[in-house]
């Protein structure tokens, strides 16, 4: 009996110590200012009323759009626009909803919202494939009731192994030689490690990454909480008379060769269902640059200054909406 108690006590001590070490690493490596504080600071600014503001929103895939470059291009011939890239890491629709009222209150002239497959994917790879059902998904239902449903910390714990390895790596190797951080006032919610994001992979490297990728599946529209949040975002912009253009972000060809067959059809059907008059308010960039060597990984275009294809196309889109004077 005493022997069993000693084992239980020892296991408990090891567990407590391990958990304490993990929490310590998470605390030490966490940014000093969180995304909520940065967003509150930005949206509380007094924006000049005589300047037209264009906001780009989305996740990390739209973060590569260079707001300064786009602003300079559209302001030729005395245009009067300010462009901000307000993309946030892992900024899926449920995350975008959290600060949407603040964004709307700042009264932008135009919002460009970039979304990709990942925005509507499951949050984790399902252990079993659930059959189609007319009833609500219990997991999604109880997740929607949770007070922590949008917590960055809770979401990060979906992969404890990844979080631990990432934290250890950042803690021990975060120095000037390995990281070249880039901050931009025009992209206040995002920081680039330029050593990674300027990198350009060739097609062979992308193919290898594609074969190793995890594709989590996209639930049907009526049972997909991200689609429901996306619909709410569309409705709020419409109700507040704010011009919204939705774009589908681009991907390289190796990505399309490995994703499930139904992905693209289901993805396209989202816009057909949610966007009023999608022929005018939705633009697809899915395949625009798929064969170009401009990719830093399977999801992101390199931020190297010489690569401007995506930026130039966004400039053209804006100028069609607001012709030069």
C-alpha atoms as a PDB file:
ATOM      1  CA  UNK A   1       0.000   0.000   0.000  1.00  0.00           C
ATOM      2  CA  UNK A   2       2.781   2.426   0.970  1.00  0.00           C
ATOM      3  CA  UNK A   3       4.635   1.473  -2.218  1.00  0.00           C
ATOM      4  CA  UNK A   4       1.618   2.400  -4.373  1.00  0.00           C
ATOM      5  CA  UNK A   5       1.245   5.706  -2.577  1.00  0.00           C
ATOM      6  CA  UNK A   6       4.892   6.507  -3.270  1.00  0.00           C
ATOM      7  CA  UNK A   7       4.374   5.823  -6.977  1.00  0.00           C
ATOM      8  CA  UNK A   8       1.272   8.034  -7.112  1.00  0.00           C
ATOM      9  CA  UNK A   9       3.061  10.776  -5.196  1.00  0.00           C
ATOM     10  CA  UNK A  10       6.092  10.602  -7.507  1.00  0.00           C
ATOM     11  CA  UNK A  11       3.936  10.758 -10.644  1.00  0.00           C
ATOM     12  CA  UNK A  12       2.047  13.729  -9.233  1.00  0.00           C
ATOM     13  CA  UNK A  13       5.272  15.591  -8.475  1.00  0.00           C
ATOM     14  CA  UNK A  14       6.631  14.936 -11.976  1.00  0.00           C
ATOM     15  CA  UNK A  15       3.374  16.109 -13.571  1.00  0.00           C
ATOM     16  CA  UNK A  16       3.258  19.315 -11.501  1.00  0.00           C
ATOM     17  CA  UNK A  17       6.898  20.110 -12.258  1.00  0.00           C
ATOM     18  CA  UNK A  18       6.473  19.449 -15.986  1.00  0.00           C
ATOM     19  CA  UNK A  19       3.343  21.582 -16.183  1.00  0.00           C
ATOM     20  CA  UNK A  20       5.052  24.374 -14.240  1.00  0.00           C
ATOM     21  CA  UNK A  21       7.993  24.364 -16.636  1.00  0.00           C
ATOM     22  CA  UNK A  22       5.652  24.563 -19.631  1.00  0.00           C
ATOM     23  CA  UNK A  23       3.687  27.487 -18.152  1.00  0.00           C
ATOM     24  CA  UNK A  24       6.960  29.258 -17.313  1.00  0.00           C
ATOM     25  CA  UNK A  25       8.197  28.928 -20.888  1.00  0.00           C
ATOM     26  CA  UNK A  26       4.860  30.138 -22.264  1.00  0.00           C
ATOM     27  CA  UNK A  27       4.957  33.159 -19.964  1.00  0.00           C
ATOM     28  CA  UNK A  28       8.568  34.043 -20.740  1.00  0.00           C
ATOM     29  CA  UNK A  29       8.179  33.752 -24.506  1.00  0.00           C
ATOM     30  CA  UNK A  30       4.772  35.459 -24.727  1.00  0.00           C
ATOM     31  CA  UNK A  31       4.732  38.911 -26.322  1.00  0.00           C
ATOM     32  CA  UNK A  32       4.695  41.806 -23.875  1.00  0.00           C
ATOM     33  CA  UNK A  33       1.749  43.397 -25.648  1.00  0.00           C
ATOM     34  CA  UNK A  34      -1.091  41.145 -26.765  1.00  0.00           C
ATOM     35  CA  UNK A  35      -3.085  41.434 -29.956  1.00  0.00           C
ATOM     36  CA  UNK A  36      -6.109  42.776 -28.064  1.00  0.00           C
ATOM     37  CA  UNK A  37      -4.107  45.704 -26.711  1.00  0.00           C
ATOM     38  CA  UNK A  38      -2.695  46.488 -30.143  1.00  0.00           C
ATOM     39  CA  UNK A  39      -6.153  46.414 -31.698  1.00  0.00           C
ATOM     40  CA  UNK A  40      -7.676  48.583 -28.970  1.00  0.00           C
ATOM     41  CA  UNK A  41      -4.881  51.121 -29.390  1.00  0.00           C
ATOM     42  CA  UNK A  42      -5.278  51.261 -33.156  1.00  0.00           C
ATOM     43  CA  UNK A  43      -9.063  51.560 -33.242  1.00  0.00           C
ATOM     44  CA  UNK A  44      -9.077  54.232 -30.526  1.00  0.00           C
ATOM     45  CA  UNK A  45      -7.021  56.599 -32.706  1.00  0.00           C
ATOM     46  CA  UNK A  46      -8.574  59.794 -34.028  1.00  0.00           C
ATOM     47  CA  UNK A  47      -8.547  59.247 -37.767  1.00  0.00           C
ATOM     48  CA  UNK A  48      -8.745  62.402 -39.907  1.00  0.00           C
ATOM     49  CA  UNK A  49     -12.160  62.719 -41.513  1.00  0.00           C
ATOM     50  CA  UNK A  50     -10.835  64.062 -44.817  1.00  0.00           C
ATOM     51  CA  UNK A  51      -8.770  60.938 -45.540  1.00  0.00           C
ATOM     52  CA  UNK A  52     -10.188  57.813 -47.122  1.00  0.00           C
ATOM     53  CA  UNK A  53      -9.059  54.688 -45.300  1.00  0.00           C
ATOM     54  CA  UNK A  54      -8.698  51.235 -46.809  1.00  0.00           C
ATOM     55  CA  UNK A  55      -8.365  48.298 -44.440  1.00  0.00           C
ATOM     56  CA  UNK A  56      -7.053  44.898 -45.478  1.00  0.00           C
ATOM     57  CA  UNK A  57      -8.141  42.154 -43.090  1.00  0.00           C
ATOM     58  CA  UNK A  58      -7.520  38.442 -42.938  1.00  0.00           C
ATOM     59  CA  UNK A  59      -5.027  35.986 -41.522  1.00  0.00           C
ATOM     60  CA  UNK A  60      -1.314  35.552 -42.207  1.00  0.00           C
ATOM     61  CA  UNK A  61      -1.912  34.959 -45.924  1.00  0.00           C
ATOM     62  CA  UNK A  62      -2.993  38.572 -46.435  1.00  0.00           C
ATOM     63  CA  UNK A  63      -0.260  39.859 -44.122  1.00  0.00           C
ATOM     64  CA  UNK A  64       2.208  39.646 -47.019  1.00  0.00           C
ATOM     65  CA  UNK A  65       0.344  42.456 -48.801  1.00  0.00           C
ATOM     66  CA  UNK A  66       2.496  45.576 -48.479  1.00  0.00           C
ATOM     67  CA  UNK A  67       0.174  48.372 -47.352  1.00  0.00           C
ATOM     68  CA  UNK A  68       2.830  51.063 -47.851  1.00  0.00           C
ATOM     69  CA  UNK A  69       3.465  49.968 -51.443  1.00  0.00           C
ATOM     70  CA  UNK A  70      -0.264  49.776 -52.206  1.00  0.00           C
ATOM     71  CA  UNK A  71      -0.887  53.196 -50.662  1.00  0.00           C
ATOM     72  CA  UNK A  72       1.913  54.825 -52.660  1.00  0.00           C
ATOM     73  CA  UNK A  73       0.609  53.347 -55.904  1.00  0.00           C
ATOM     74  CA  UNK A  74      -3.009  54.417 -55.486  1.00  0.00           C
ATOM     75  CA  UNK A  75      -2.034  57.889 -54.249  1.00  0.00           C
ATOM     76  CA  UNK A  76      -0.279  58.757 -57.497  1.00  0.00           C
ATOM     77  CA  UNK A  77      -2.095  61.624 -59.226  1.00  0.00           C
ATOM     78  CA  UNK A  78      -3.118  63.103 -55.874  1.00  0.00           C
ATOM     79  CA  UNK A  79      -5.351  60.413 -54.516  1.00  0.00           C
ATOM     80  CA  UNK A  80      -6.030  60.810 -50.799  1.00  0.00           C
ATOM     81  CA  UNK A  81      -6.033  57.326 -49.281  1.00  0.00           C
ATOM     82  CA  UNK A  82      -4.467  55.625 -46.295  1.00  0.00           C
ATOM     83  CA  UNK A  83      -4.016  51.857 -46.483  1.00  0.00           C
ATOM     84  CA  UNK A  84      -3.603  49.627 -43.428  1.00  0.00           C
ATOM     85  CA  UNK A  85      -3.033  45.903 -43.393  1.00  0.00           C
ATOM     86  CA  UNK A  86      -4.874  44.727 -40.276  1.00  0.00           C
ATOM     87  CA  UNK A  87      -4.232  41.014 -40.766  1.00  0.00           C
ATOM     88  CA  UNK A  88      -3.740  38.939 -37.629  1.00  0.00           C
ATOM     89  CA  UNK A  89      -2.068  35.571 -37.213  1.00  0.00           C
ATOM     90  CA  UNK A  90      -4.599  32.728 -37.347  1.00  0.00           C
ATOM     91  CA  UNK A  91      -7.285  35.361 -37.936  1.00  0.00           C
ATOM     92  CA  UNK A  92     -10.111  33.058 -38.917  1.00  0.00           C
ATOM     93  CA  UNK A  93     -13.667  34.510 -39.128  1.00  0.00           C
ATOM     94  CA  UNK A  94     -14.454  33.835 -35.467  1.00  0.00           C
ATOM     95  CA  UNK A  95     -11.343  35.847 -34.538  1.00  0.00           C
ATOM     96  CA  UNK A  96     -12.233  38.671 -36.937  1.00  0.00           C
ATOM     97  CA  UNK A  97     -15.646  38.998 -35.305  1.00  0.00           C
ATOM     98  CA  UNK A  98     -14.144  39.912 -31.939  1.00  0.00           C
ATOM     99  CA  UNK A  99     -13.041  43.405 -33.021  1.00  0.00           C
ATOM    100  CA  UNK A 100     -15.405  43.911 -35.928  1.00  0.00           C
ATOM    101  CA  UNK A 101     -17.552  46.513 -34.159  1.00  0.00           C
ATOM    102  CA  UNK A 102     -14.458  48.609 -33.444  1.00  0.00           C
ATOM    103  CA  UNK A 103     -13.362  48.340 -37.060  1.00  0.00           C
ATOM    104  CA  UNK A 104     -16.795  49.393 -38.297  1.00  0.00           C
ATOM    105  CA  UNK A 105     -16.884  52.325 -35.855  1.00  0.00           C
ATOM    106  CA  UNK A 106     -13.671  53.680 -37.431  1.00  0.00           C
ATOM    107  CA  UNK A 107     -15.630  54.063 -40.707  1.00  0.00           C
ATOM    108  CA  UNK A 108     -13.244  52.834 -43.382  1.00  0.00           C
ATOM    109  CA  UNK A 109     -14.004  53.713 -46.995  1.00  0.00           C
ATOM    110  CA  UNK A 110     -13.249  50.203 -48.184  1.00  0.00           C
ATOM    111  CA  UNK A 111     -12.425  46.865 -46.557  1.00  0.00           C
ATOM    112  CA  UNK A 112     -10.665  44.094 -48.458  1.00  0.00           C
ATOM    113  CA  UNK A 113     -11.127  40.752 -46.716  1.00  0.00           C
ATOM    114  CA  UNK A 114      -8.850  37.909 -47.804  1.00  0.00           C
ATOM    115  CA  UNK A 115      -9.796  34.328 -46.956  1.00  0.00           C
ATOM    116  CA  UNK A 116      -8.393  30.922 -47.835  1.00  0.00           C
ATOM    117  CA  UNK A 117      -9.094  27.250 -47.291  1.00  0.00           C
ATOM    118  CA  UNK A 118      -7.558  27.332 -43.803  1.00  0.00           C
ATOM    119  CA  UNK A 119     -10.117  29.913 -42.650  1.00  0.00           C
ATOM    120  CA  UNK A 120     -12.885  27.324 -42.975  1.00  0.00           C
ATOM    121  CA  UNK A 121     -10.996  24.150 -42.100  1.00  0.00           C
ATOM    122  CA  UNK A 122     -11.606  22.154 -38.946  1.00  0.00           C
ATOM    123  CA  UNK A 123      -9.506  23.307 -36.010  1.00  0.00           C
ATOM    124  CA  UNK A 124      -7.968  19.840 -35.735  1.00  0.00           C
ATOM    125  CA  UNK A 125      -7.786  16.641 -37.745  1.00  0.00           C
ATOM    126  CA  UNK A 126     -10.848  14.530 -36.830  1.00  0.00           C
ATOM    127  CA  UNK A 127     -10.078  11.069 -35.450  1.00  0.00           C
ATOM    128  CA  UNK A 128     -13.133   9.743 -37.268  1.00  0.00           C
ATOM    129  CA  UNK A 129     -15.067  11.022 -40.239  1.00  0.00           C
ATOM    130  CA  UNK A 130     -18.493  12.012 -38.985  1.00  0.00           C
ATOM    131  CA  UNK A 131     -21.424  11.069 -41.234  1.00  0.00           C
ATOM    132  CA  UNK A 132     -23.623  13.775 -42.706  1.00  0.00           C
ATOM    133  CA  UNK A 133     -26.432  14.690 -40.317  1.00  0.00           C
ATOM    134  CA  UNK A 134     -29.378  17.068 -40.224  1.00  0.00           C
ATOM    135  CA  UNK A 135     -28.733  17.675 -36.514  1.00  0.00           C
ATOM    136  CA  UNK A 136     -26.273  20.229 -35.077  1.00  0.00           C
ATOM    137  CA  UNK A 137     -22.740  19.026 -34.372  1.00  0.00           C
ATOM    138  CA  UNK A 138     -22.497  18.562 -30.536  1.00  0.00           C
ATOM    139  CA  UNK A 139     -18.816  19.593 -30.550  1.00  0.00           C
ATOM    140  CA  UNK A 140     -19.558  22.859 -32.349  1.00  0.00           C
ATOM    141  CA  UNK A 141     -22.592  23.506 -30.132  1.00  0.00           C
ATOM    142  CA  UNK A 142     -20.725  23.176 -26.843  1.00  0.00           C
ATOM    143  CA  UNK A 143     -17.722  25.042 -28.235  1.00  0.00           C
ATOM    144  CA  UNK A 144     -20.035  27.978 -29.059  1.00  0.00           C
ATOM    145  CA  UNK A 145     -21.217  28.064 -25.426  1.00  0.00           C
ATOM    146  CA  UNK A 146     -17.714  28.040 -23.975  1.00  0.00           C
ATOM    147  CA  UNK A 147     -16.450  31.356 -22.529  1.00  0.00           C
ATOM    148  CA  UNK A 148     -13.007  30.360 -23.869  1.00  0.00           C
ATOM    149  CA  UNK A 149     -14.103  29.622 -27.451  1.00  0.00           C
ATOM    150  CA  UNK A 150     -11.952  32.454 -28.851  1.00  0.00           C
ATOM    151  CA  UNK A 151      -9.114  32.216 -26.381  1.00  0.00           C
ATOM    152  CA  UNK A 152      -5.725  32.207 -28.097  1.00  0.00           C
ATOM    153  CA  UNK A 153      -4.260  30.212 -25.196  1.00  0.00           C
ATOM    154  CA  UNK A 154      -6.943  27.516 -25.300  1.00  0.00           C
ATOM    155  CA  UNK A 155      -6.693  27.233 -29.062  1.00  0.00           C
ATOM    156  CA  UNK A 156      -2.938  26.863 -28.856  1.00  0.00           C
ATOM    157  CA  UNK A 157      -3.281  23.912 -26.513  1.00  0.00           C
ATOM    158  CA  UNK A 158      -4.928  21.865 -29.250  1.00  0.00           C
ATOM    159  CA  UNK A 159      -1.402  20.711 -30.111  1.00  0.00           C
ATOM    160  CA  UNK A 160       0.618  20.552 -26.867  1.00  0.00           C
ATOM    161  CA  UNK A 161       3.574  18.928 -28.626  1.00  0.00           C
ATOM    162  CA  UNK A 162       3.783  21.722 -31.190  1.00  0.00           C
ATOM    163  CA  UNK A 163       3.401  24.451 -28.571  1.00  0.00           C
ATOM    164  CA  UNK A 164       6.127  22.931 -26.386  1.00  0.00           C
ATOM    165  CA  UNK A 165       8.604  22.525 -29.242  1.00  0.00           C
ATOM    166  CA  UNK A 166       7.877  25.983 -30.617  1.00  0.00           C
ATOM    167  CA  UNK A 167       8.257  27.569 -27.196  1.00  0.00           C
ATOM    168  CA  UNK A 168      11.536  25.798 -26.444  1.00  0.00           C
ATOM    169  CA  UNK A 169      12.931  26.778 -29.820  1.00  0.00           C
ATOM    170  CA  UNK A 170      11.935  30.417 -29.433  1.00  0.00           C
ATOM    171  CA  UNK A 171      13.267  30.547 -25.883  1.00  0.00           C
ATOM    172  CA  UNK A 172      16.707  29.126 -26.630  1.00  0.00           C
ATOM    173  CA  UNK A 173      17.277  30.454 -30.149  1.00  0.00           C
ATOM    174  CA  UNK A 174      15.583  33.834 -30.182  1.00  0.00           C
ATOM    175  CA  UNK A 175      18.459  36.233 -30.851  1.00  0.00           C
ATOM    176  CA  UNK A 176      19.570  38.813 -33.416  1.00  0.00           C
ATOM    177  CA  UNK A 177      21.441  36.240 -35.495  1.00  0.00           C
ATOM    178  CA  UNK A 178      18.476  33.919 -36.034  1.00  0.00           C
ATOM    179  CA  UNK A 179      15.633  36.427 -36.178  1.00  0.00           C
ATOM    180  CA  UNK A 180      15.240  39.591 -38.200  1.00  0.00           C
ATOM    181  CA  UNK A 181      11.953  41.056 -37.018  1.00  0.00           C
ATOM    182  CA  UNK A 182      10.130  43.587 -39.142  1.00  0.00           C
ATOM    183  CA  UNK A 183       7.559  46.011 -37.773  1.00  0.00           C
ATOM    184  CA  UNK A 184       5.418  48.296 -39.924  1.00  0.00           C
ATOM    185  CA  UNK A 185       3.047  51.022 -38.743  1.00  0.00           C
ATOM    186  CA  UNK A 186       0.869  50.156 -41.720  1.00  0.00           C
ATOM    187  CA  UNK A 187       0.544  46.579 -40.445  1.00  0.00           C
ATOM    188  CA  UNK A 188       0.163  47.168 -36.699  1.00  0.00           C
ATOM    189  CA  UNK A 189      -0.991  43.664 -35.713  1.00  0.00           C
ATOM    190  CA  UNK A 190       1.645  41.584 -37.471  1.00  0.00           C
ATOM    191  CA  UNK A 191       5.386  41.019 -37.158  1.00  0.00           C
ATOM    192  CA  UNK A 192       7.514  39.266 -39.764  1.00  0.00           C
ATOM    193  CA  UNK A 193      10.641  37.230 -39.277  1.00  0.00           C
ATOM    194  CA  UNK A 194      12.192  38.412 -42.534  1.00  0.00           C
ATOM    195  CA  UNK A 195      14.743  35.586 -42.587  1.00  0.00           C
ATOM    196  CA  UNK A 196      11.809  33.217 -43.107  1.00  0.00           C
ATOM    197  CA  UNK A 197       9.327  35.332 -45.017  1.00  0.00           C
ATOM    198  CA  UNK A 198      11.799  36.588 -47.652  1.00  0.00           C
ATOM    199  CA  UNK A 199      12.768  33.018 -48.452  1.00  0.00           C
ATOM    200  CA  UNK A 200      11.560  31.669 -51.795  1.00  0.00           C
ATOM    201  CA  UNK A 201      11.003  27.931 -52.277  1.00  0.00           C
ATOM    202  CA  UNK A 202      11.247  26.181 -55.622  1.00  0.00           C
ATOM    203  CA  UNK A 203       8.563  23.804 -56.899  1.00  0.00           C
ATOM    204  CA  UNK A 204      10.391  20.706 -55.641  1.00  0.00           C
ATOM    205  CA  UNK A 205      10.584  22.113 -52.119  1.00  0.00           C
ATOM    206  CA  UNK A 206       6.896  23.034 -52.219  1.00  0.00           C
ATOM    207  CA  UNK A 207       5.975  19.517 -53.383  1.00  0.00           C
ATOM    208  CA  UNK A 208       7.793  18.003 -50.401  1.00  0.00           C
ATOM    209  CA  UNK A 209       6.005  20.335 -48.000  1.00  0.00           C
ATOM    210  CA  UNK A 210       2.649  19.608 -49.643  1.00  0.00           C
ATOM    211  CA  UNK A 211       3.062  15.863 -49.149  1.00  0.00           C
ATOM    212  CA  UNK A 212       3.844  16.411 -45.460  1.00  0.00           C
ATOM    213  CA  UNK A 213       0.923  18.782 -44.870  1.00  0.00           C
ATOM    214  CA  UNK A 214      -2.042  18.181 -42.581  1.00  0.00           C
ATOM    215  CA  UNK A 215      -5.383  18.801 -44.275  1.00  0.00           C
ATOM    216  CA  UNK A 216      -8.036  18.914 -41.596  1.00  0.00           C
ATOM    217  CA  UNK A 217     -11.176  18.885 -43.696  1.00  0.00           C
ATOM    218  CA  UNK A 218     -13.892  21.474 -44.265  1.00  0.00           C
ATOM    219  CA  UNK A 219     -17.292  20.793 -42.746  1.00  0.00           C
ATOM    220  CA  UNK A 220     -20.477  21.354 -44.765  1.00  0.00           C
ATOM    221  CA  UNK A 221     -21.586  24.965 -44.738  1.00  0.00           C
ATOM    222  CA  UNK A 222     -24.583  24.447 -42.458  1.00  0.00           C
ATOM    223  CA  UNK A 223     -22.380  22.848 -39.762  1.00  0.00           C
ATOM    224  CA  UNK A 224     -19.306  25.033 -40.119  1.00  0.00           C
ATOM    225  CA  UNK A 225     -18.936  27.642 -37.366  1.00  0.00           C
ATOM    226  CA  UNK A 226     -16.359  29.590 -39.413  1.00  0.00           C
ATOM    227  CA  UNK A 227     -18.791  29.922 -42.318  1.00  0.00           C
ATOM    228  CA  UNK A 228     -21.462  31.136 -39.918  1.00  0.00           C
ATOM    229  CA  UNK A 229     -19.063  33.734 -38.495  1.00  0.00           C
ATOM    230  CA  UNK A 230     -18.088  34.758 -42.036  1.00  0.00           C
ATOM    231  CA  UNK A 231     -21.766  35.272 -42.896  1.00  0.00           C
ATOM    232  CA  UNK A 232     -22.181  37.453 -39.806  1.00  0.00           C
ATOM    233  CA  UNK A 233     -19.199  39.566 -40.856  1.00  0.00           C
ATOM    234  CA  UNK A 234     -20.659  40.049 -44.345  1.00  0.00           C
ATOM    235  CA  UNK A 235     -24.022  41.044 -42.857  1.00  0.00           C
ATOM    236  CA  UNK A 236     -22.495  43.591 -40.451  1.00  0.00           C
ATOM    237  CA  UNK A 237     -20.601  45.377 -43.196  1.00  0.00           C
ATOM    238  CA  UNK A 238     -23.763  45.471 -45.298  1.00  0.00           C
ATOM    239  CA  UNK A 239     -25.907  46.772 -42.419  1.00  0.00           C
ATOM    240  CA  UNK A 240     -23.409  49.591 -41.786  1.00  0.00           C
ATOM    241  CA  UNK A 241     -23.039  50.564 -45.463  1.00  0.00           C
ATOM    242  CA  UNK A 242     -19.320  49.860 -45.557  1.00  0.00           C
ATOM    243  CA  UNK A 243     -17.991  48.750 -48.909  1.00  0.00           C
ATOM    244  CA  UNK A 244     -16.539  45.237 -48.634  1.00  0.00           C
ATOM    245  CA  UNK A 245     -14.608  43.290 -51.236  1.00  0.00           C
ATOM    246  CA  UNK A 246     -13.834  39.659 -50.479  1.00  0.00           C
ATOM    247  CA  UNK A 247     -10.867  37.982 -52.137  1.00  0.00           C
ATOM    248  CA  UNK A 248      -9.768  34.377 -52.049  1.00  0.00           C
ATOM    249  CA  UNK A 249      -6.040  34.290 -51.344  1.00  0.00           C
ATOM    250  CA  UNK A 250      -3.679  32.452 -53.717  1.00  0.00           C
ATOM    251  CA  UNK A 251      -1.907  29.111 -53.315  1.00  0.00           C
ATOM    252  CA  UNK A 252       0.919  27.353 -55.185  1.00  0.00           C
ATOM    253  CA  UNK A 253       0.208  24.485 -57.556  1.00  0.00           C
ATOM    254  CA  UNK A 254       1.597  21.708 -55.274  1.00  0.00           C
ATOM    255  CA  UNK A 255      -1.021  22.654 -52.686  1.00  0.00           C
ATOM    256  CA  UNK A 256      -3.880  22.018 -55.119  1.00  0.00           C
ATOM    257  CA  UNK A 257      -2.398  18.653 -56.046  1.00  0.00           C
ATOM    258  CA  UNK A 258      -2.726  17.260 -52.510  1.00  0.00           C
ATOM    259  CA  UNK A 259      -5.810  18.852 -50.932  1.00  0.00           C
ATOM    260  CA  UNK A 260      -8.989  16.713 -50.799  1.00  0.00           C
ATOM    261  CA  UNK A 261     -10.992  16.690 -54.033  1.00  0.00           C
ATOM    262  CA  UNK A 262     -14.012  18.460 -52.542  1.00  0.00           C
ATOM    263  CA  UNK A 263     -12.057  21.372 -51.007  1.00  0.00           C
ATOM    264  CA  UNK A 264     -12.277  23.846 -53.856  1.00  0.00           C
ATOM    265  CA  UNK A 265     -15.939  23.186 -54.681  1.00  0.00           C
ATOM    266  CA  UNK A 266     -16.965  23.590 -51.049  1.00  0.00           C
ATOM    267  CA  UNK A 267     -14.780  26.676 -50.700  1.00  0.00           C
ATOM    268  CA  UNK A 268     -16.360  28.338 -53.749  1.00  0.00           C
ATOM    269  CA  UNK A 269     -19.860  27.482 -52.579  1.00  0.00           C
ATOM    270  CA  UNK A 270     -19.229  29.502 -49.401  1.00  0.00           C
ATOM    271  CA  UNK A 271     -19.064  32.728 -51.407  1.00  0.00           C
ATOM    272  CA  UNK A 272     -22.055  31.862 -53.542  1.00  0.00           C
ATOM    273  CA  UNK A 273     -24.103  31.488 -50.363  1.00  0.00           C
ATOM    274  CA  UNK A 274     -22.796  34.357 -48.246  1.00  0.00           C
ATOM    275  CA  UNK A 275     -21.901  37.293 -50.512  1.00  0.00           C
ATOM    276  CA  UNK A 276     -24.679  39.413 -52.047  1.00  0.00           C
ATOM    277  CA  UNK A 277     -23.975  40.038 -55.731  1.00  0.00           C
ATOM    278  CA  UNK A 278     -20.741  38.084 -55.595  1.00  0.00           C
ATOM    279  CA  UNK A 279     -19.936  38.942 -59.217  1.00  0.00           C
ATOM    280  CA  UNK A 280     -19.114  42.492 -58.062  1.00  0.00           C
ATOM    281  CA  UNK A 281     -17.928  41.940 -54.505  1.00  0.00           C
ATOM    282  CA  UNK A 282     -15.828  38.792 -54.773  1.00  0.00           C
ATOM    283  CA  UNK A 283     -12.545  38.210 -56.607  1.00  0.00           C
ATOM    284  CA  UNK A 284     -10.713  34.910 -56.756  1.00  0.00           C
ATOM    285  CA  UNK A 285      -6.917  34.854 -56.711  1.00  0.00           C
ATOM    286  CA  UNK A 286      -6.733  31.128 -55.932  1.00  0.00           C
ATOM    287  CA  UNK A 287      -4.799  30.096 -59.035  1.00  0.00           C
ATOM    288  CA  UNK A 288      -3.313  33.425 -60.136  1.00  0.00           C
ATOM    289  CA  UNK A 289       0.287  32.760 -59.143  1.00  0.00           C
ATOM    290  CA  UNK A 290       0.315  28.999 -58.695  1.00  0.00           C
ATOM    291  CA  UNK A 291       3.217  28.363 -61.089  1.00  0.00           C
ATOM    292  CA  UNK A 292       5.382  31.300 -60.015  1.00  0.00           C
ATOM    293  CA  UNK A 293       8.441  30.938 -57.788  1.00  0.00           C
ATOM    294  CA  UNK A 294       7.288  33.524 -55.266  1.00  0.00           C
ATOM    295  CA  UNK A 295       6.308  31.308 -52.322  1.00  0.00           C
ATOM    296  CA  UNK A 296       7.925  31.238 -48.883  1.00  0.00           C
ATOM    297  CA  UNK A 297       5.815  28.188 -47.994  1.00  0.00           C
ATOM    298  CA  UNK A 298       2.564  26.472 -49.036  1.00  0.00           C
ATOM    299  CA  UNK A 299       0.361  29.298 -47.757  1.00  0.00           C
ATOM    300  CA  UNK A 300       2.361  32.503 -48.011  1.00  0.00           C
ATOM    301  CA  UNK A 301       3.841  34.620 -50.765  1.00  0.00           C
ATOM    302  CA  UNK A 302       7.337  35.842 -49.963  1.00  0.00           C
ATOM    303  CA  UNK A 303       7.570  39.406 -48.667  1.00  0.00           C
ATOM    304  CA  UNK A 304      10.742  40.022 -50.663  1.00  0.00           C
ATOM    305  CA  UNK A 305      10.517  43.578 -52.022  1.00  0.00           C
ATOM    306  CA  UNK A 306      11.027  42.406 -55.606  1.00  0.00           C
ATOM    307  CA  UNK A 307       7.801  40.359 -55.553  1.00  0.00           C
ATOM    308  CA  UNK A 308       4.879  42.682 -56.179  1.00  0.00           C
ATOM    309  CA  UNK A 309       2.413  40.617 -58.252  1.00  0.00           C
ATOM    310  CA  UNK A 310      -0.202  40.263 -55.510  1.00  0.00           C
ATOM    311  CA  UNK A 311       0.264  43.881 -54.402  1.00  0.00           C
ATOM    312  CA  UNK A 312      -0.116  45.150 -57.965  1.00  0.00           C
ATOM    313  CA  UNK A 313      -3.319  43.195 -58.505  1.00  0.00           C
ATOM    314  CA  UNK A 314      -4.789  44.636 -55.298  1.00  0.00           C
ATOM    315  CA  UNK A 315      -3.807  48.123 -56.462  1.00  0.00           C
ATOM    316  CA  UNK A 316      -5.636  47.495 -59.725  1.00  0.00           C
ATOM    317  CA  UNK A 317      -8.693  46.216 -57.868  1.00  0.00           C
ATOM    318  CA  UNK A 318      -8.791  49.371 -55.729  1.00  0.00           C
ATOM    319  CA  UNK A 319      -8.332  51.676 -58.690  1.00  0.00           C
ATOM    320  CA  UNK A 320     -11.240  50.031 -60.470  1.00  0.00           C
ATOM    321  CA  UNK A 321     -13.317  50.801 -57.397  1.00  0.00           C
ATOM    322  CA  UNK A 322     -11.949  54.379 -57.055  1.00  0.00           C
ATOM    323  CA  UNK A 323     -10.635  55.653 -60.408  1.00  0.00           C
ATOM    324  CA  UNK A 324      -7.784  58.150 -60.285  1.00  0.00           C
ATOM    325  CA  UNK A 325      -8.716  61.803 -60.467  1.00  0.00           C
END
